[in-house]
Amino acid sequence: MRRFFGSLLFILLLAACSSAPPDTGEVLERKNQAAEYASLGNTYYQRGDYARALQMFHLALETNIAVDNEAGLVGSYNSIGKVYLASGELDAAEHYFSRALTLSRSLENPLLIASSLNNLAEMHLASGPGEVEQARLLLEEALGQLEQETPDLHTSVLLHNLGAVYKRNGDYALAADYLARALAINLEQKQFAEAAGNYYLIASLHSKRGDYAGAVESARLALEYDKKVENSPGIAEDLLALGIIHLKAGEHEQAYGALKKANAVFGSISSTPGVRRVLPLLITACENTGRVSEAEEYKRLAEELADR
C-alpha cells in the first residue's frame, strides 16, 4: 500500500506554528537549526532513505529539547513516528505519536493536536482491519480541531485518510466523496504530492468497481504528480498500482512494462519490502507474455530475498 498521504509535510508546517513572540539570539539560531534538520529529514523521507531521515529527525529533536521548543518537539516526535510507521515498526511509531499528542494537548494548539491525532489514526489503519474504527474516530476528532480553520493542506490530509477509512469499510461512494474534497483542495493550492496520493486512492476505488480504464487514468495522474515532486517511493507505488490494474484487465504487455519499472524504482531506493511485493506480480507478467527465462531470473531473486 502506498505511503500515507502528505502527513510529513503536515508535521513540518505545524512544527513552525507558535503563538510565542519571535526569539532572538542563540535560541532563534537553534530553532532555525532544528528546522533545517527537519527539512533535510523530510527530503530523505520522501526519497525513501529512512535511516538518514531518522538521523536528521533525531538531531532536530535534540536541538528542540536544548531550547525547550515544545511546538518543535511535537513535530520531531511526529516525524520520528512517521519513519517508524513507514518502516513497519508500529509499536515505535505509536510511542512517538502518543508523546506528540500528549504534548500538543498540553499546548492547546488545534493544528498540532490534529496532526498528532492524524498520525495515530494512520498507525491504526496500518495495524489491520480491527483498528479501522479507531482510526475513523481519531480522524473525526482531528477534523473537529480544524473546524474554525480555512480548508488547506491540514484539512485535505484528514479528508484523504477518511477516504481511506471508508474504502477499507467498503463504502466506496463515501470514500470517493472524501477523496474528491481532498483533491479539490490540493489542486487549487498546487499541492502536487498530496494530489498524487488522492489520485492513487481514486484509482484503487475504480479498480474495486471493475472500472479498469478509470483506474488506469487515475493511476497515471498519480504518477504524473509524483514525478513533478520527484517522489520516488510514490512513483514506485504508482507503477506497481498500474501493473496490478493492467493485470486485472488482462493487459499483459502493459502490466509487464509497469511492473518492471516499479521493480527498478524500488531497487533504486533500496526498498527490499517493495521489491518483495512486486516480484511475484512481475513473474506472472513475464509468464503471461512468454518471457520464460526472465521469469526464472526473478524467481531466483525472490528466493534470495525470502532468505534474508
C-alpha atoms as a PDB file:
ATOM      1  CA  MET A   1       0.000   0.000   0.000  1.00  0.00           C
ATOM      2  CA  ARG A   2       1.116   3.487  -0.748  1.00  0.00           C
ATOM      3  CA  ARG A   3       2.840   5.647   1.859  1.00  0.00           C
ATOM      4  CA  PHE A   4       0.261   7.582   3.870  1.00  0.00           C
ATOM      5  CA  PHE A   5      -0.758  10.872   2.447  1.00  0.00           C
ATOM      6  CA  GLY A   6       1.140  14.112   2.879  1.00  0.00           C
ATOM      7  CA  SER A   7       1.344  13.943   6.631  1.00  0.00           C
ATOM      8  CA  LEU A   8       5.051  14.637   6.953  1.00  0.00           C
ATOM      9  CA  LEU A   9       4.588  17.995   5.234  1.00  0.00           C
ATOM     10  CA  PHE A  10       1.635  18.486   7.589  1.00  0.00           C
ATOM     11  CA  ILE A  11       4.016  17.899  10.513  1.00  0.00           C
ATOM     12  CA  LEU A  12       6.686  20.290   9.244  1.00  0.00           C
ATOM     13  CA  LEU A  13       4.183  23.068   8.692  1.00  0.00           C
ATOM     14  CA  LEU A  14       2.721  22.627  12.136  1.00  0.00           C
ATOM     15  CA  ALA A  15       6.068  22.459  13.858  1.00  0.00           C
ATOM     16  CA  ALA A  16       6.664  26.023  12.742  1.00  0.00           C
ATOM     17  CA  CYS A  17       3.410  27.219  14.320  1.00  0.00           C
ATOM     18  CA  SER A  18       3.736  29.030  17.608  1.00  0.00           C
ATOM     19  CA  SER A  19       1.912  31.789  19.381  1.00  0.00           C
ATOM     20  CA  ALA A  20       5.067  32.850  21.208  1.00  0.00           C
ATOM     21  CA  PRO A  21       6.794  36.121  20.293  1.00  0.00           C
ATOM     22  CA  PRO A  22       9.814  35.981  17.962  1.00  0.00           C
ATOM     23  CA  ASP A  23      13.019  34.726  19.563  1.00  0.00           C
ATOM     24  CA  THR A  24      16.348  36.463  19.281  1.00  0.00           C
ATOM     25  CA  GLY A  25      19.968  35.417  19.545  1.00  0.00           C
ATOM     26  CA  GLU A  26      21.116  31.887  20.245  1.00  0.00           C
ATOM     27  CA  VAL A  27      17.642  30.456  20.855  1.00  0.00           C
ATOM     28  CA  LEU A  28      16.452  31.581  17.431  1.00  0.00           C
ATOM     29  CA  GLU A  29      19.572  30.125  15.828  1.00  0.00           C
ATOM     30  CA  ARG A  30      18.958  26.754  17.483  1.00  0.00           C
ATOM     31  CA  LYS A  31      15.317  26.728  16.428  1.00  0.00           C
ATOM     32  CA  ASN A  32      16.343  27.515  12.865  1.00  0.00           C
ATOM     33  CA  GLN A  33      18.905  24.714  13.022  1.00  0.00           C
ATOM     34  CA  ALA A  34      16.220  22.298  14.223  1.00  0.00           C
ATOM     35  CA  ALA A  35      14.019  23.364  11.316  1.00  0.00           C
ATOM     36  CA  GLU A  36      16.879  22.727   8.880  1.00  0.00           C
ATOM     37  CA  TYR A  37      17.398  19.235  10.302  1.00  0.00           C
ATOM     38  CA  ALA A  38      13.667  18.579   9.966  1.00  0.00           C
ATOM     39  CA  SER A  39      13.670  19.796   6.356  1.00  0.00           C
ATOM     40  CA  LEU A  40      16.611  17.547   5.500  1.00  0.00           C
ATOM     41  CA  GLY A  41      14.853  14.668   7.216  1.00  0.00           C
ATOM     42  CA  ASN A  42      11.770  15.288   5.115  1.00  0.00           C
ATOM     43  CA  THR A  43      13.857  15.236   1.940  1.00  0.00           C
ATOM     44  CA  TYR A  44      15.396  11.878   2.874  1.00  0.00           C
ATOM     45  CA  TYR A  45      11.988  10.545   3.872  1.00  0.00           C
ATOM     46  CA  GLN A  46      10.488  11.442   0.502  1.00  0.00           C
ATOM     47  CA  ARG A  47      13.378   9.617  -1.183  1.00  0.00           C
ATOM     48  CA  GLY A  48      12.706   6.523   0.901  1.00  0.00           C
ATOM     49  CA  ASP A  49      16.039   6.846   2.756  1.00  0.00           C
ATOM     50  CA  TYR A  50      14.557   6.168   6.189  1.00  0.00           C
ATOM     51  CA  ALA A  51      17.860   5.666   8.002  1.00  0.00           C
ATOM     52  CA  ARG A  52      19.105   9.168   7.129  1.00  0.00           C
ATOM     53  CA  ALA A  53      15.662  10.651   7.701  1.00  0.00           C
ATOM     54  CA  LEU A  54      15.617   9.200  11.203  1.00  0.00           C
ATOM     55  CA  GLN A  55      19.084  10.573  11.886  1.00  0.00           C
ATOM     56  CA  MET A  56      18.031  14.090  10.876  1.00  0.00           C
ATOM     57  CA  PHE A  57      14.781  13.951  12.849  1.00  0.00           C
ATOM     58  CA  HIS A  58      16.656  12.866  15.974  1.00  0.00           C
ATOM     59  CA  LEU A  59      19.050  15.795  15.529  1.00  0.00           C
ATOM     60  CA  ALA A  60      16.026  18.096  15.261  1.00  0.00           C
ATOM     61  CA  LEU A  61      14.596  16.517  18.414  1.00  0.00           C
ATOM     62  CA  GLU A  62      17.794  17.029  20.383  1.00  0.00           C
ATOM     63  CA  THR A  63      18.046  20.654  19.231  1.00  0.00           C
ATOM     64  CA  ASN A  64      14.430  21.365  20.149  1.00  0.00           C
ATOM     65  CA  ILE A  65      14.971  19.822  23.582  1.00  0.00           C
ATOM     66  CA  ALA A  66      18.021  22.053  24.122  1.00  0.00           C
ATOM     67  CA  VAL A  67      15.956  25.237  23.683  1.00  0.00           C
ATOM     68  CA  ASP A  68      12.680  23.877  25.137  1.00  0.00           C
ATOM     69  CA  ASN A  69      10.875  24.416  21.832  1.00  0.00           C
ATOM     70  CA  GLU A  70       7.711  22.500  22.648  1.00  0.00           C
ATOM     71  CA  ALA A  71       5.951  23.057  19.316  1.00  0.00           C
ATOM     72  CA  GLY A  72       9.111  21.838  17.603  1.00  0.00           C
ATOM     73  CA  LEU A  73       9.179  18.807  19.885  1.00  0.00           C
ATOM     74  CA  VAL A  74       5.688  17.833  18.744  1.00  0.00           C
ATOM     75  CA  GLY A  75       6.906  17.994  15.154  1.00  0.00           C
ATOM     76  CA  SER A  76      10.006  15.946  15.962  1.00  0.00           C
ATOM     77  CA  TYR A  77       8.052  13.237  17.759  1.00  0.00           C
ATOM     78  CA  ASN A  78       5.610  13.020  14.872  1.00  0.00           C
ATOM     79  CA  SER A  79       8.359  12.955  12.256  1.00  0.00           C
ATOM     80  CA  ILE A  80      10.228  10.156  14.017  1.00  0.00           C
ATOM     81  CA  GLY A  81       6.969   8.264  14.373  1.00  0.00           C
ATOM     82  CA  LYS A  82       6.319   8.624  10.629  1.00  0.00           C
ATOM     83  CA  VAL A  83       9.641   6.988   9.799  1.00  0.00           C
ATOM     84  CA  TYR A  84       8.869   4.058  12.085  1.00  0.00           C
ATOM     85  CA  LEU A  85       5.393   3.786  10.559  1.00  0.00           C
ATOM     86  CA  ALA A  86       6.828   3.704   7.035  1.00  0.00           C
ATOM     87  CA  SER A  87       9.307   1.043   8.183  1.00  0.00           C
ATOM     88  CA  GLY A  88       6.534  -1.114   9.653  1.00  0.00           C
ATOM     89  CA  GLU A  89       7.665  -0.655  13.265  1.00  0.00           C
ATOM     90  CA  LEU A  90       4.199   0.103  14.604  1.00  0.00           C
ATOM     91  CA  ASP A  91       4.962  -0.070  18.338  1.00  0.00           C
ATOM     92  CA  ALA A  92       7.747   2.504  17.995  1.00  0.00           C
ATOM     93  CA  ALA A  93       5.518   4.672  15.802  1.00  0.00           C
ATOM     94  CA  GLU A  94       2.711   4.605  18.362  1.00  0.00           C
ATOM     95  CA  HIS A  95       5.141   5.522  21.141  1.00  0.00           C
ATOM     96  CA  TYR A  96       6.277   8.717  19.407  1.00  0.00           C
ATOM     97  CA  PHE A  97       2.816   9.675  18.114  1.00  0.00           C
ATOM     98  CA  SER A  98       1.397   9.301  21.627  1.00  0.00           C
ATOM     99  CA  ARG A  99       4.117  11.553  23.043  1.00  0.00           C
ATOM    100  CA  ALA A 100       3.313  14.123  20.360  1.00  0.00           C
ATOM    101  CA  LEU A 101      -0.404  14.010  21.158  1.00  0.00           C
ATOM    102  CA  THR A 102       0.114  14.359  24.906  1.00  0.00           C
ATOM    103  CA  LEU A 103       2.373  17.380  24.461  1.00  0.00           C
ATOM    104  CA  SER A 104       0.161  19.002  21.812  1.00  0.00           C
ATOM    105  CA  ARG A 105      -2.883  18.721  24.098  1.00  0.00           C
ATOM    106  CA  SER A 106      -0.951  20.437  26.874  1.00  0.00           C
ATOM    107  CA  LEU A 107      -0.118  23.265  24.439  1.00  0.00           C
ATOM    108  CA  GLU A 108      -3.813  23.539  23.444  1.00  0.00           C
ATOM    109  CA  ASN A 109      -2.771  24.033  19.822  1.00  0.00           C
ATOM    110  CA  PRO A 110      -5.527  22.746  17.484  1.00  0.00           C
ATOM    111  CA  LEU A 111      -3.223  22.245  14.494  1.00  0.00           C
ATOM    112  CA  LEU A 112      -0.662  20.302  16.494  1.00  0.00           C
ATOM    113  CA  ILE A 113      -3.403  18.212  18.095  1.00  0.00           C
ATOM    114  CA  ALA A 114      -4.937  17.472  14.690  1.00  0.00           C
ATOM    115  CA  SER A 115      -1.542  16.429  13.295  1.00  0.00           C
ATOM    116  CA  SER A 116      -0.898  14.045  16.162  1.00  0.00           C
ATOM    117  CA  LEU A 117      -4.397  12.552  16.023  1.00  0.00           C
ATOM    118  CA  ASN A 118      -3.986  12.028  12.288  1.00  0.00           C
ATOM    119  CA  ASN A 119      -0.727  10.165  12.741  1.00  0.00           C
ATOM    120  CA  LEU A 120      -2.172   7.891  15.396  1.00  0.00           C
ATOM    121  CA  ALA A 121      -5.063   7.219  13.016  1.00  0.00           C
ATOM    122  CA  GLU A 122      -2.614   6.246  10.264  1.00  0.00           C
ATOM    123  CA  MET A 123      -0.876   3.887  12.682  1.00  0.00           C
ATOM    124  CA  HIS A 124      -4.223   2.204  13.450  1.00  0.00           C
ATOM    125  CA  LEU A 125      -5.002   1.931   9.729  1.00  0.00           C
ATOM    126  CA  ALA A 126      -1.678   0.174   9.222  1.00  0.00           C
ATOM    127  CA  SER A 127      -2.426  -2.215  12.103  1.00  0.00           C
ATOM    128  CA  GLY A 128      -5.171  -4.111  10.291  1.00  0.00           C
ATOM    129  CA  PRO A 129      -8.947  -4.318   9.807  1.00  0.00           C
ATOM    130  CA  GLY A 130      -9.692  -4.414  13.529  1.00  0.00           C
ATOM    131  CA  GLU A 131      -8.250  -0.935  14.004  1.00  0.00           C
ATOM    132  CA  VAL A 132     -10.171   0.890  11.253  1.00  0.00           C
ATOM    133  CA  GLU A 133     -12.951   2.161  13.526  1.00  0.00           C
ATOM    134  CA  GLN A 134     -10.436   3.596  15.987  1.00  0.00           C
ATOM    135  CA  ALA A 135      -8.749   5.363  13.077  1.00  0.00           C
ATOM    136  CA  ARG A 136     -12.085   6.848  11.993  1.00  0.00           C
ATOM    137  CA  LEU A 137     -12.782   8.210  15.479  1.00  0.00           C
ATOM    138  CA  LEU A 138      -9.359   9.833  15.696  1.00  0.00           C
ATOM    139  CA  LEU A 139      -9.730  11.432  12.261  1.00  0.00           C
ATOM    140  CA  GLU A 140     -13.175  12.799  13.085  1.00  0.00           C
ATOM    141  CA  GLU A 141     -11.766  14.310  16.277  1.00  0.00           C
ATOM    142  CA  ALA A 142      -8.906  15.820  14.279  1.00  0.00           C
ATOM    143  CA  LEU A 143     -11.321  17.397  11.789  1.00  0.00           C
ATOM    144  CA  GLY A 144     -13.198  18.880  14.732  1.00  0.00           C
ATOM    145  CA  GLN A 145      -9.981  20.571  15.845  1.00  0.00           C
ATOM    146  CA  LEU A 146      -9.801  22.333  12.454  1.00  0.00           C
ATOM    147  CA  GLU A 147     -13.449  23.336  12.080  1.00  0.00           C
ATOM    148  CA  GLN A 148     -12.597  27.021  12.589  1.00  0.00           C
ATOM    149  CA  GLU A 149      -9.746  26.909  10.061  1.00  0.00           C
ATOM    150  CA  THR A 150      -9.879  27.697   6.338  1.00  0.00           C
ATOM    151  CA  PRO A 151      -9.581  24.370   4.443  1.00  0.00           C
ATOM    152  CA  ASP A 152      -5.982  23.785   3.418  1.00  0.00           C
ATOM    153  CA  LEU A 153      -3.345  21.043   3.409  1.00  0.00           C
ATOM    154  CA  HIS A 154      -4.138  20.115   7.002  1.00  0.00           C
ATOM    155  CA  THR A 155      -7.788  19.549   6.176  1.00  0.00           C
ATOM    156  CA  SER A 156      -7.027  17.678   2.963  1.00  0.00           C
ATOM    157  CA  VAL A 157      -4.788  15.204   4.816  1.00  0.00           C
ATOM    158  CA  LEU A 158      -7.662  14.312   7.135  1.00  0.00           C
ATOM    159  CA  LEU A 159     -10.194  14.109   4.305  1.00  0.00           C
ATOM    160  CA  HIS A 160      -7.884  11.789   2.380  1.00  0.00           C
ATOM    161  CA  ASN A 161      -7.392   9.483   5.326  1.00  0.00           C
ATOM    162  CA  LEU A 162     -11.131   9.383   5.994  1.00  0.00           C
ATOM    163  CA  GLY A 163     -11.483   8.369   2.355  1.00  0.00           C
ATOM    164  CA  ALA A 164      -9.040   5.544   3.054  1.00  0.00           C
ATOM    165  CA  VAL A 165     -11.090   4.506   6.099  1.00  0.00           C
ATOM    166  CA  TYR A 166     -14.349   4.297   4.155  1.00  0.00           C
ATOM    167  CA  LYS A 167     -12.622   2.453   1.323  1.00  0.00           C
ATOM    168  CA  ARG A 168     -11.498  -0.139   3.876  1.00  0.00           C
ATOM    169  CA  ASN A 169     -15.091  -0.364   5.116  1.00  0.00           C
ATOM    170  CA  GLY A 170     -16.389  -0.942   1.585  1.00  0.00           C
ATOM    171  CA  ASP A 171     -18.331   2.325   1.445  1.00  0.00           C
ATOM    172  CA  TYR A 172     -16.900   3.373  -1.901  1.00  0.00           C
ATOM    173  CA  ALA A 173     -19.352   6.217  -2.529  1.00  0.00           C
ATOM    174  CA  LEU A 174     -18.472   7.967   0.730  1.00  0.00           C
ATOM    175  CA  ALA A 175     -14.779   7.260   0.189  1.00  0.00           C
ATOM    176  CA  ALA A 176     -14.968   8.865  -3.260  1.00  0.00           C
ATOM    177  CA  ASP A 177     -16.654  11.941  -1.787  1.00  0.00           C
ATOM    178  CA  TYR A 178     -13.925  12.477   0.824  1.00  0.00           C
ATOM    179  CA  LEU A 179     -11.168  11.939  -1.751  1.00  0.00           C
ATOM    180  CA  ALA A 180     -12.771  14.375  -4.206  1.00  0.00           C
ATOM    181  CA  ARG A 181     -12.946  17.035  -1.485  1.00  0.00           C
ATOM    182  CA  ALA A 182      -9.305  16.481  -0.575  1.00  0.00           C
ATOM    183  CA  LEU A 183      -8.195  16.515  -4.220  1.00  0.00           C
ATOM    184  CA  ALA A 184     -10.019  19.786  -4.903  1.00  0.00           C
ATOM    185  CA  ILE A 185      -8.026  21.466  -2.119  1.00  0.00           C
ATOM    186  CA  ASN A 186      -4.742  20.008  -3.389  1.00  0.00           C
ATOM    187  CA  LEU A 187      -5.242  21.065  -6.991  1.00  0.00           C
ATOM    188  CA  GLU A 188      -6.371  24.560  -6.039  1.00  0.00           C
ATOM    189  CA  GLN A 189      -3.329  25.036  -3.811  1.00  0.00           C
ATOM    190  CA  LYS A 190      -0.861  23.196  -6.117  1.00  0.00           C
ATOM    191  CA  GLN A 191      -0.064  20.512  -3.546  1.00  0.00           C
ATOM    192  CA  PHE A 192       1.209  18.002  -6.089  1.00  0.00           C
ATOM    193  CA  ALA A 193       2.421  15.200  -3.816  1.00  0.00           C
ATOM    194  CA  GLU A 194      -0.883  15.229  -1.985  1.00  0.00           C
ATOM    195  CA  ALA A 195      -2.830  15.296  -5.267  1.00  0.00           C
ATOM    196  CA  ALA A 196      -0.880  12.193  -6.288  1.00  0.00           C
ATOM    197  CA  GLY A 197      -1.946  10.473  -3.078  1.00  0.00           C
ATOM    198  CA  ASN A 198      -5.590  11.191  -3.802  1.00  0.00           C
ATOM    199  CA  TYR A 199      -5.402  10.070  -7.424  1.00  0.00           C
ATOM    200  CA  TYR A 200      -3.758   6.843  -6.221  1.00  0.00           C
ATOM    201  CA  LEU A 201      -6.649   6.008  -3.919  1.00  0.00           C
ATOM    202  CA  ILE A 202      -9.213   7.074  -6.518  1.00  0.00           C
ATOM    203  CA  ALA A 203      -7.543   4.620  -8.904  1.00  0.00           C
ATOM    204  CA  SER A 204      -7.982   1.910  -6.299  1.00  0.00           C
ATOM    205  CA  LEU A 205     -11.693   2.732  -5.991  1.00  0.00           C
ATOM    206  CA  HIS A 206     -12.147   2.465  -9.768  1.00  0.00           C
ATOM    207  CA  SER A 207     -10.337  -0.868  -9.734  1.00  0.00           C
ATOM    208  CA  LYS A 208     -12.537  -2.192  -6.922  1.00  0.00           C
ATOM    209  CA  ARG A 209     -15.569  -1.366  -9.062  1.00  0.00           C
ATOM    210  CA  GLY A 210     -14.116  -3.060 -12.135  1.00  0.00           C
ATOM    211  CA  ASP A 211     -13.622   0.232 -13.983  1.00  0.00           C
ATOM    212  CA  TYR A 212     -10.095  -0.524 -15.158  1.00  0.00           C
ATOM    213  CA  ALA A 213      -9.964   2.295 -17.715  1.00  0.00           C
ATOM    214  CA  GLY A 214     -10.806   4.824 -14.981  1.00  0.00           C
ATOM    215  CA  ALA A 215      -8.301   3.164 -12.662  1.00  0.00           C
ATOM    216  CA  VAL A 216      -5.505   3.423 -15.233  1.00  0.00           C
ATOM    217  CA  GLU A 217      -6.291   7.083 -15.907  1.00  0.00           C
ATOM    218  CA  SER A 218      -6.200   7.985 -12.191  1.00  0.00           C
ATOM    219  CA  ALA A 219      -3.044   5.940 -11.539  1.00  0.00           C
ATOM    220  CA  ARG A 220      -1.312   7.709 -14.423  1.00  0.00           C
ATOM    221  CA  LEU A 221      -2.297  11.072 -12.958  1.00  0.00           C
ATOM    222  CA  ALA A 222      -0.873   9.949  -9.606  1.00  0.00           C
ATOM    223  CA  LEU A 223       2.362   9.033 -11.380  1.00  0.00           C
ATOM    224  CA  GLU A 224       2.443  12.381 -13.202  1.00  0.00           C
ATOM    225  CA  TYR A 225       2.118  14.368  -9.987  1.00  0.00           C
ATOM    226  CA  ASP A 226       4.611  12.230  -8.056  1.00  0.00           C
ATOM    227  CA  LYS A 227       7.112  12.789 -10.859  1.00  0.00           C
ATOM    228  CA  LYS A 228       6.595  16.555 -10.555  1.00  0.00           C
ATOM    229  CA  VAL A 229       7.928  16.428  -6.997  1.00  0.00           C
ATOM    230  CA  GLU A 230      10.434  13.591  -7.612  1.00  0.00           C
ATOM    231  CA  ASN A 231       8.732  11.426  -5.006  1.00  0.00           C
ATOM    232  CA  SER A 232      10.498   8.120  -5.668  1.00  0.00           C
ATOM    233  CA  PRO A 233       8.545   5.958  -3.176  1.00  0.00           C
ATOM    234  CA  GLY A 234       5.296   7.325  -4.579  1.00  0.00           C
ATOM    235  CA  ILE A 235       6.466   6.747  -8.163  1.00  0.00           C
ATOM    236  CA  ALA A 236       7.266   3.128  -7.334  1.00  0.00           C
ATOM    237  CA  GLU A 237       3.842   2.614  -5.763  1.00  0.00           C
ATOM    238  CA  ASP A 238       2.077   4.268  -8.710  1.00  0.00           C
ATOM    239  CA  LEU A 239       3.864   1.979 -11.164  1.00  0.00           C
ATOM    240  CA  LEU A 240       3.026  -1.032  -9.029  1.00  0.00           C
ATOM    241  CA  ALA A 241      -0.624   0.028  -8.981  1.00  0.00           C
ATOM    242  CA  LEU A 242      -0.624   0.432 -12.772  1.00  0.00           C
ATOM    243  CA  GLY A 243       0.856  -3.032 -13.145  1.00  0.00           C
ATOM    244  CA  ILE A 244      -1.806  -4.577 -10.921  1.00  0.00           C
ATOM    245  CA  ILE A 245      -4.612  -2.808 -12.764  1.00  0.00           C
ATOM    246  CA  HIS A 246      -3.291  -3.919 -16.146  1.00  0.00           C
ATOM    247  CA  LEU A 247      -3.017  -7.495 -14.858  1.00  0.00           C
ATOM    248  CA  LYS A 248      -6.629  -7.419 -13.700  1.00  0.00           C
ATOM    249  CA  ALA A 249      -7.694  -6.032 -17.082  1.00  0.00           C
ATOM    250  CA  GLY A 250      -5.801  -8.754 -18.948  1.00  0.00           C
ATOM    251  CA  GLU A 251      -3.455  -6.195 -20.492  1.00  0.00           C
ATOM    252  CA  HIS A 252      -0.355  -8.309 -20.044  1.00  0.00           C
ATOM    253  CA  GLU A 253       2.208  -6.338 -22.039  1.00  0.00           C
ATOM    254  CA  GLN A 254       1.286  -3.080 -20.282  1.00  0.00           C
ATOM    255  CA  ALA A 255       1.390  -4.888 -16.936  1.00  0.00           C
ATOM    256  CA  TYR A 256       4.879  -6.181 -17.661  1.00  0.00           C
ATOM    257  CA  GLY A 257       6.158  -2.706 -18.576  1.00  0.00           C
ATOM    258  CA  ALA A 258       4.744  -1.023 -15.474  1.00  0.00           C
ATOM    259  CA  LEU A 259       5.877  -3.763 -13.070  1.00  0.00           C
ATOM    260  CA  LYS A 260       9.393  -3.867 -14.491  1.00  0.00           C
ATOM    261  CA  LYS A 261       9.677  -0.112 -13.956  1.00  0.00           C
ATOM    262  CA  ALA A 262       8.245  -0.443 -10.436  1.00  0.00           C
ATOM    263  CA  ASN A 263      10.844  -3.086  -9.603  1.00  0.00           C
ATOM    264  CA  ALA A 264      13.624  -0.832 -10.885  1.00  0.00           C
ATOM    265  CA  VAL A 265      12.444   2.160  -8.819  1.00  0.00           C
ATOM    266  CA  PHE A 266      12.017   0.094  -5.654  1.00  0.00           C
ATOM    267  CA  GLY A 267      15.547  -1.219  -6.220  1.00  0.00           C
ATOM    268  CA  SER A 268      16.943   2.276  -6.758  1.00  0.00           C
ATOM    269  CA  ILE A 269      15.678   3.398  -3.338  1.00  0.00           C
ATOM    270  CA  SER A 270      16.812   0.150  -1.667  1.00  0.00           C
ATOM    271  CA  SER A 271      13.241  -0.800  -0.742  1.00  0.00           C
ATOM    272  CA  THR A 272      13.515  -4.540  -0.167  1.00  0.00           C
ATOM    273  CA  PRO A 273       9.869  -4.741   1.007  1.00  0.00           C
ATOM    274  CA  GLY A 274       8.816  -3.049  -2.229  1.00  0.00           C
ATOM    275  CA  VAL A 275      10.861  -5.449  -4.356  1.00  0.00           C
ATOM    276  CA  ARG A 276       9.385  -8.389  -2.451  1.00  0.00           C
ATOM    277  CA  ARG A 277       5.870  -7.154  -3.238  1.00  0.00           C
ATOM    278  CA  VAL A 278       6.446  -6.534  -6.925  1.00  0.00           C
ATOM    279  CA  LEU A 279       8.395  -9.690  -7.823  1.00  0.00           C
ATOM    280  CA  PRO A 280       5.503 -12.228  -7.709  1.00  0.00           C
ATOM    281  CA  LEU A 281       3.450  -9.943  -9.935  1.00  0.00           C
ATOM    282  CA  LEU A 282       6.364  -9.358 -12.291  1.00  0.00           C
ATOM    283  CA  ILE A 283       6.923 -13.108 -12.548  1.00  0.00           C
ATOM    284  CA  THR A 284       3.267 -13.543 -13.510  1.00  0.00           C
ATOM    285  CA  ALA A 285       3.527 -10.764 -16.092  1.00  0.00           C
ATOM    286  CA  CYS A 286       6.644 -12.368 -17.579  1.00  0.00           C
ATOM    287  CA  GLU A 287       4.923 -15.723 -17.829  1.00  0.00           C
ATOM    288  CA  ASN A 288       1.833 -14.132 -19.386  1.00  0.00           C
ATOM    289  CA  THR A 289       3.958 -12.534 -22.089  1.00  0.00           C
ATOM    290  CA  GLY A 290       6.168 -15.533 -22.829  1.00  0.00           C
ATOM    291  CA  ARG A 291       9.275 -14.190 -21.103  1.00  0.00           C
ATOM    292  CA  VAL A 292      10.109 -17.554 -19.528  1.00  0.00           C
ATOM    293  CA  SER A 293      13.838 -17.058 -18.895  1.00  0.00           C
ATOM    294  CA  GLU A 294      13.253 -13.618 -17.370  1.00  0.00           C
ATOM    295  CA  ALA A 295      10.586 -15.093 -15.098  1.00  0.00           C
ATOM    296  CA  GLU A 296      13.114 -17.677 -13.884  1.00  0.00           C
ATOM    297  CA  GLU A 297      15.603 -14.920 -13.051  1.00  0.00           C
ATOM    298  CA  TYR A 298      13.015 -13.103 -10.960  1.00  0.00           C
ATOM    299  CA  LYS A 299      12.064 -16.352  -9.208  1.00  0.00           C
ATOM    300  CA  ARG A 300      15.694 -16.842  -8.157  1.00  0.00           C
ATOM    301  CA  LEU A 301      15.831 -13.265  -6.877  1.00  0.00           C
ATOM    302  CA  ALA A 302      12.590 -13.755  -4.937  1.00  0.00           C
ATOM    303  CA  GLU A 303      14.048 -16.873  -3.289  1.00  0.00           C
ATOM    304  CA  GLU A 304      17.199 -14.971  -2.310  1.00  0.00           C
ATOM    305  CA  LEU A 305      15.163 -12.152  -0.754  1.00  0.00           C
ATOM    306  CA  ALA A 306      12.971 -14.621   1.121  1.00  0.00           C
ATOM    307  CA  ASP A 307      16.063 -15.968   2.886  1.00  0.00           C
ATOM    308  CA  ARG A 308      17.166 -12.531   4.125  1.00  0.00           C
END
